[in-house]
């Protein structure tokens, strides 16, 4: 039994296809299949049920995969120790980011990070929080950026910043003439929300006084803040935006922005990773870069943190 064989098993378990697993492992499909067959012969069991499409784990295969994750992670820890001893920051680093953060945060830090740490091969994916947590627990991601707290015992959270909420209030809205609004001003009956499942939707609902509302005016399946603003401009209500999203608005759109009276409601954004804490030298470097660029972008000093429904974050 070798570490490489276990890595191949994990790849097939993830992709449920030998060809795709081989491509991701940078080997030929016959080589990967042969190594897994050798492992099955050595253990005298079947790890995969090849008769099913997609390929499924057998009952004992599921147990082997769980143990293989631990063994492969521990083998990676040895490389971590060596890298940190040498002061080397490089290699593959896989990170996921939720959709309401990815478009605004990534352009702020990516170029700086790549320039400072050119030997790190970043692999970035956009996923909702439930998927990110699952992929962190399975060892397919090294870290993720999400709204917190998550209250998950297997995940550690390292706060990056607090991002204030900003109201987008069109001229036709009752609050347009108000210079600074309060949470008491908010009414869910005229706030446009992202589709169900987004952390920002849950955060807005938590801010408002009539939390037990039923949104039956109309139903919009959209995860786009741009769509919400366009609907607001058409007189359909107002919406709330994360602060970083307001930075690239046009001058005419910025005339519709209304900030909250202090303390500003905000969401907590954190770098999250598995409690095994692998590749922490790269994680710390990433946090340093992000907090450095975000410090100038968000100048708010007094923010109130909402309590988002973390398991529904997107």
Protein backbone atom coordinates (compact mmCIF):
# COMPACT_ATOMS: atom_id res chain seq x y z
CA UNK A 1 0.00 0.00 0.00
CA UNK A 2 1.38 3.41 -0.99
CA UNK A 3 0.39 7.05 -0.49
CA UNK A 4 0.08 7.36 -4.27
CA UNK A 5 -2.44 4.51 -4.40
CA UNK A 6 -4.51 6.18 -1.69
CA UNK A 7 -4.39 9.48 -3.58
CA UNK A 8 -5.72 7.71 -6.67
CA UNK A 9 -8.52 6.18 -4.61
CA UNK A 10 -9.48 9.62 -3.30
CA UNK A 11 -9.45 11.05 -6.83
CA UNK A 12 -11.83 8.36 -8.11
CA UNK A 13 -14.05 8.77 -5.06
CA UNK A 14 -14.30 12.49 -5.79
CA UNK A 15 -14.86 12.35 -9.55
CA UNK A 16 -16.69 8.98 -9.70
CA UNK A 17 -14.94 8.32 -12.98
CA UNK A 18 -11.55 6.70 -13.65
CA UNK A 19 -10.78 8.82 -16.70
CA UNK A 20 -11.52 12.13 -14.99
CA UNK A 21 -9.63 11.03 -11.87
CA UNK A 22 -6.60 10.15 -13.98
CA UNK A 23 -6.67 13.54 -15.71
CA UNK A 24 -6.79 15.35 -12.37
CA UNK A 25 -3.98 13.15 -11.04
CA UNK A 26 -1.83 13.76 -14.17
CA UNK A 27 -1.44 10.06 -14.97
CA UNK A 28 -2.85 7.81 -17.64
CA UNK A 29 -6.13 6.05 -16.95
CA UNK A 30 -4.55 2.55 -17.24
CA UNK A 31 -1.86 3.51 -14.69
CA UNK A 32 -4.43 4.77 -12.20
CA UNK A 33 -6.72 1.76 -12.70
CA UNK A 34 -3.82 -0.68 -12.32
CA UNK A 35 -2.67 0.90 -9.04
CA UNK A 36 -6.16 0.81 -7.56
CA UNK A 37 -6.57 -2.80 -8.71
CA UNK A 38 -3.27 -3.70 -7.03
CA UNK A 39 -4.49 -2.11 -3.79
CA UNK A 40 -7.79 -3.98 -3.96
CA UNK A 41 -5.94 -7.25 -4.62
CA UNK A 42 -3.60 -6.60 -1.69
CA UNK A 43 -6.52 -5.90 0.66
CA UNK A 44 -8.66 -8.64 -0.93
CA UNK A 45 -11.71 -6.37 -1.17
CA UNK A 46 -13.44 -4.12 -3.70
CA UNK A 47 -13.21 -0.40 -3.01
CA UNK A 48 -15.39 0.61 -5.97
CA UNK A 49 -18.52 -0.87 -7.50
CA UNK A 50 -17.64 -0.53 -11.17
CA UNK A 51 -21.00 -1.88 -12.35
CA UNK A 52 -22.73 1.38 -11.41
CA UNK A 53 -22.67 4.61 -13.37
CA UNK A 54 -21.27 6.81 -12.00
CA UNK A 55 -18.85 4.59 -10.11
CA UNK A 56 -19.84 4.13 -6.47
CA UNK A 57 -17.91 3.23 -3.33
CA UNK A 58 -18.65 -0.09 -1.73
CA UNK A 59 -19.53 -0.16 1.96
CA UNK A 60 -15.96 -1.05 2.94
CA UNK A 61 -14.70 1.40 0.31
CA UNK A 62 -16.40 4.27 2.14
CA UNK A 63 -14.51 3.35 5.32
CA UNK A 64 -11.23 3.07 3.43
CA UNK A 65 -11.72 6.50 1.82
CA UNK A 66 -12.29 8.13 5.22
CA UNK A 67 -9.07 6.61 6.55
CA UNK A 68 -7.21 7.42 3.34
CA UNK A 69 -8.07 11.11 3.78
CA UNK A 70 -6.40 11.09 7.19
CA UNK A 71 -3.29 9.29 5.92
CA UNK A 72 -2.87 11.54 2.88
CA UNK A 73 -3.40 14.67 5.01
CA UNK A 74 -0.76 13.53 7.48
CA UNK A 75 1.66 12.86 4.63
CA UNK A 76 1.08 16.43 3.43
CA UNK A 77 1.88 17.66 6.92
CA UNK A 78 5.45 16.34 6.53
CA UNK A 79 5.89 18.51 3.44
CA UNK A 80 4.43 21.45 5.38
CA UNK A 81 7.04 20.99 8.09
CA UNK A 82 9.84 20.93 5.52
CA UNK A 83 8.50 23.98 3.64
CA UNK A 84 8.14 26.03 6.79
CA UNK A 85 11.62 25.04 7.97
CA UNK A 86 13.04 26.23 4.64
CA UNK A 87 10.86 29.35 4.58
CA UNK A 88 9.41 28.19 1.26
CA UNK A 89 5.96 29.49 0.30
CA UNK A 90 4.89 27.66 -2.81
CA UNK A 91 3.08 24.70 -4.31
CA UNK A 92 -0.58 24.16 -5.06
CA UNK A 93 -3.11 25.92 -2.84
CA UNK A 94 -6.84 25.37 -3.41
CA UNK A 95 -9.26 27.99 -2.16
CA UNK A 96 -13.01 28.48 -2.52
CA UNK A 97 -14.97 31.73 -2.24
CA UNK A 98 -18.72 32.30 -1.87
CA UNK A 99 -20.51 34.09 -4.76
CA UNK A 100 -21.39 37.29 -2.89
CA UNK A 101 -17.72 37.85 -2.04
CA UNK A 102 -15.81 36.50 -5.05
CA UNK A 103 -16.49 39.27 -7.65
CA UNK A 104 -15.44 42.16 -5.41
CA UNK A 105 -12.72 40.69 -3.17
CA UNK A 106 -10.76 38.61 -5.67
CA UNK A 107 -9.72 41.53 -7.92
CA UNK A 108 -8.51 43.42 -4.84
CA UNK A 109 -5.97 40.85 -3.65
CA UNK A 110 -5.18 38.36 -6.44
CA UNK A 111 -2.58 40.39 -8.35
CA UNK A 112 -0.79 41.41 -5.14
CA UNK A 113 -0.67 37.82 -3.91
CA UNK A 114 0.54 36.39 -7.23
CA UNK A 115 3.26 39.03 -7.49
CA UNK A 116 4.50 38.51 -3.93
CA UNK A 117 4.24 34.70 -3.93
CA UNK A 118 4.84 33.60 -7.54
CA UNK A 119 5.66 30.03 -6.51
CA UNK A 120 2.15 29.45 -5.12
CA UNK A 121 -0.13 27.81 -7.67
CA UNK A 122 -3.55 29.12 -6.66
CA UNK A 123 -6.61 27.09 -7.64
CA UNK A 124 -9.73 29.19 -7.04
CA UNK A 125 -13.35 28.08 -7.22
CA UNK A 126 -16.70 29.73 -6.51
CA UNK A 127 -19.12 27.66 -4.43
CA UNK A 128 -21.81 28.13 -1.82
CA UNK A 129 -20.79 27.66 1.80
CA UNK A 130 -22.30 24.21 2.24
CA UNK A 131 -20.18 22.92 -0.64
CA UNK A 132 -17.07 24.74 0.61
CA UNK A 133 -17.39 23.16 4.05
CA UNK A 134 -17.88 19.72 2.53
CA UNK A 135 -14.81 20.17 0.31
CA UNK A 136 -12.73 21.43 3.24
CA UNK A 137 -13.76 18.43 5.33
CA UNK A 138 -12.95 16.06 2.46
CA UNK A 139 -9.53 17.63 1.92
CA UNK A 140 -10.25 18.93 -1.59
CA UNK A 141 -9.78 22.57 -0.51
CA UNK A 142 -7.04 24.07 1.63
CA UNK A 143 -9.08 27.12 2.67
CA UNK A 144 -12.14 29.17 1.81
CA UNK A 145 -13.50 32.68 2.25
CA UNK A 146 -17.05 32.90 3.57
CA UNK A 147 -19.38 34.84 5.82
CA UNK A 148 -19.15 33.66 9.43
CA UNK A 149 -19.74 32.48 12.11
CA UNK A 150 -20.40 28.93 10.92
CA UNK A 151 -20.49 27.06 14.24
CA UNK A 152 -18.84 23.98 12.72
CA UNK A 153 -16.46 22.03 15.03
CA UNK A 154 -14.31 20.77 12.14
CA UNK A 155 -13.73 24.24 10.67
CA UNK A 156 -11.54 27.02 12.05
CA UNK A 157 -12.38 30.67 11.33
CA UNK A 158 -9.90 33.53 11.04
CA UNK A 159 -11.66 36.87 10.63
CA UNK A 160 -10.47 38.95 7.67
CA UNK A 161 -12.76 41.98 7.89
CA UNK A 162 -16.23 43.28 8.67
CA UNK A 163 -18.09 44.47 5.58
CA UNK A 164 -20.81 47.09 6.19
CA UNK A 165 -24.22 46.94 4.54
CA UNK A 166 -25.21 49.86 2.33
CA UNK A 167 -28.77 50.60 1.18
CA UNK A 168 -29.55 51.22 -2.50
CA UNK A 169 -32.58 53.52 -2.43
CA UNK A 170 -33.99 54.82 -5.76
CA UNK A 171 -35.57 58.27 -6.06
CA UNK A 172 -39.11 56.88 -5.92
CA UNK A 173 -38.56 55.17 -2.56
CA UNK A 174 -39.82 56.54 0.76
CA UNK A 175 -36.26 56.59 2.21
CA UNK A 176 -34.54 58.41 -0.65
CA UNK A 177 -34.66 61.78 1.12
CA UNK A 178 -33.21 60.31 4.34
CA UNK A 179 -29.48 61.01 4.56
CA UNK A 180 -28.63 58.18 6.96
CA UNK A 181 -30.99 55.31 7.69
CA UNK A 182 -31.42 53.05 10.70
CA UNK A 183 -32.31 49.40 10.99
CA UNK A 184 -35.73 50.49 12.26
CA UNK A 185 -36.34 52.12 8.86
CA UNK A 186 -36.07 48.80 7.07
CA UNK A 187 -39.21 46.96 6.03
CA UNK A 188 -38.95 43.58 4.33
CA UNK A 189 -42.13 44.32 2.40
CA UNK A 190 -40.22 46.72 0.14
CA UNK A 191 -36.71 45.22 0.20
CA UNK A 192 -35.57 43.21 -2.82
CA UNK A 193 -33.72 40.06 -1.71
CA UNK A 194 -31.34 37.66 -3.40
CA UNK A 195 -32.62 34.17 -4.12
CA UNK A 196 -33.12 31.86 -1.16
CA UNK A 197 -29.89 30.36 0.16
CA UNK A 198 -27.67 33.44 0.06
CA UNK A 199 -26.00 34.65 3.24
CA UNK A 200 -26.75 38.22 2.30
CA UNK A 201 -30.47 37.42 2.08
CA UNK A 202 -30.37 35.85 5.55
CA UNK A 203 -28.38 38.78 6.90
CA UNK A 204 -30.93 41.29 5.61
CA UNK A 205 -33.83 39.32 7.08
CA UNK A 206 -32.04 39.26 10.44
CA UNK A 207 -31.73 43.04 10.35
CA UNK A 208 -35.38 43.77 9.76
CA UNK A 209 -38.14 44.15 12.29
CA UNK A 210 -40.70 41.94 10.50
CA UNK A 211 -38.55 38.82 10.19
CA UNK A 212 -41.50 36.42 9.88
CA UNK A 213 -42.71 37.91 6.64
CA UNK A 214 -43.91 35.93 3.64
CA UNK A 215 -42.51 37.29 0.40
CA UNK A 216 -45.46 36.66 -1.93
CA UNK A 217 -45.39 39.91 -3.93
CA UNK A 218 -43.37 38.28 -6.72
CA UNK A 219 -40.59 35.72 -6.93
CA UNK A 220 -37.20 36.43 -8.50
CA UNK A 221 -34.60 33.65 -8.75
CA UNK A 222 -31.45 35.74 -8.98
CA UNK A 223 -28.13 35.84 -7.19
CA UNK A 224 -27.21 39.14 -8.83
CA UNK A 225 -26.99 42.45 -7.01
CA UNK A 226 -27.14 44.15 -10.42
CA UNK A 227 -30.57 42.62 -11.04
CA UNK A 228 -31.79 43.81 -7.64
CA UNK A 229 -30.61 47.37 -8.35
CA UNK A 230 -32.29 47.43 -11.77
CA UNK A 231 -35.56 46.26 -10.22
CA UNK A 232 -35.20 48.97 -7.57
CA UNK A 233 -34.70 51.56 -10.31
CA UNK A 234 -37.98 50.35 -11.84
CA UNK A 235 -39.80 51.24 -8.63
CA UNK A 236 -40.00 47.68 -7.24
CA UNK A 237 -38.44 48.58 -3.87
CA UNK A 238 -34.96 49.06 -2.42
CA UNK A 239 -32.13 46.62 -1.77
CA UNK A 240 -29.04 46.25 0.42
CA UNK A 241 -25.52 45.80 -0.90
CA UNK A 242 -22.22 44.72 0.64
CA UNK A 243 -19.92 47.74 0.85
CA UNK A 244 -17.26 46.44 -1.54
CA UNK A 245 -19.91 46.01 -4.22
CA UNK A 246 -20.63 49.76 -4.13
CA UNK A 247 -17.09 50.77 -5.06
CA UNK A 248 -17.53 50.18 -8.80
CA UNK A 249 -20.98 51.69 -9.18
CA UNK A 250 -21.50 54.59 -11.58
CA UNK A 251 -21.74 58.12 -10.20
CA UNK A 252 -25.49 58.18 -10.88
CA UNK A 253 -25.95 54.89 -9.02
CA UNK A 254 -23.92 56.17 -6.07
CA UNK A 255 -26.47 58.98 -5.66
CA UNK A 256 -28.92 56.28 -4.56
CA UNK A 257 -26.68 54.88 -1.83
CA UNK A 258 -27.66 55.47 1.78
CA UNK A 259 -25.39 54.57 4.69
CA UNK A 260 -26.57 53.53 8.11
CA UNK A 261 -26.24 55.60 11.25
CA UNK A 262 -23.50 54.21 13.46
CA UNK A 263 -23.05 51.49 14.43
CA UNK A 264 -23.19 50.13 10.87
CA UNK A 265 -24.67 46.66 10.41
CA UNK A 266 -22.08 44.43 8.79
CA UNK A 267 -21.22 40.88 7.92
CA UNK A 268 -18.17 39.08 9.23
CA UNK A 269 -15.96 37.67 6.47
CA UNK A 270 -13.39 35.04 7.42
CA UNK A 271 -10.72 32.79 6.03
CA UNK A 272 -11.85 29.30 6.99
CA UNK A 273 -9.90 26.04 6.95
CA UNK A 274 -9.97 22.53 8.38
CA UNK A 275 -8.92 22.03 11.99
CA UNK A 276 -6.00 19.90 10.76
CA UNK A 277 -4.42 23.26 9.73
CA UNK A 278 -2.45 22.10 6.71
CA UNK A 279 -0.49 24.63 4.60
CA UNK A 280 -0.86 27.27 7.29
CA UNK A 281 2.24 29.16 6.04
CA UNK A 282 0.36 29.90 2.81
CA UNK A 283 -2.89 30.60 4.69
CA UNK A 284 -1.13 33.20 6.86
CA UNK A 285 0.45 34.78 3.77
CA UNK A 286 -2.96 34.98 2.10
CA UNK A 287 -4.53 36.61 5.15
CA UNK A 288 -1.72 39.16 5.33
CA UNK A 289 -2.28 40.19 1.70
CA UNK A 290 -6.09 40.38 2.00
CA UNK A 291 -6.15 42.35 5.24
CA UNK A 292 -3.54 44.70 3.81
CA UNK A 293 -5.59 45.64 0.75
CA UNK A 294 -8.94 45.62 2.52
CA UNK A 295 -7.82 48.00 5.26
CA UNK A 296 -7.82 50.93 2.87
CA UNK A 297 -11.02 49.87 1.09
CA UNK A 298 -13.18 49.66 4.22
CA UNK A 299 -12.61 52.67 6.46
CA UNK A 300 -15.53 51.98 8.81
CA UNK A 301 -14.34 51.64 12.39
CA UNK A 302 -17.65 51.14 14.25
CA UNK A 303 -19.70 48.32 12.78
CA UNK A 304 -22.35 46.12 14.25
CA UNK A 305 -22.11 42.46 13.31
CA UNK A 306 -25.32 40.74 12.27
CA UNK A 307 -25.96 37.08 13.04
CA UNK A 308 -26.39 35.43 9.64
CA UNK A 309 -27.98 32.00 9.26
CA UNK A 310 -24.63 30.48 8.46
CA UNK A 311 -25.70 27.08 7.10
CA UNK A 312 -27.62 28.77 4.31
CA UNK A 313 -24.77 30.93 3.16
CA UNK A 314 -24.09 31.20 -0.58
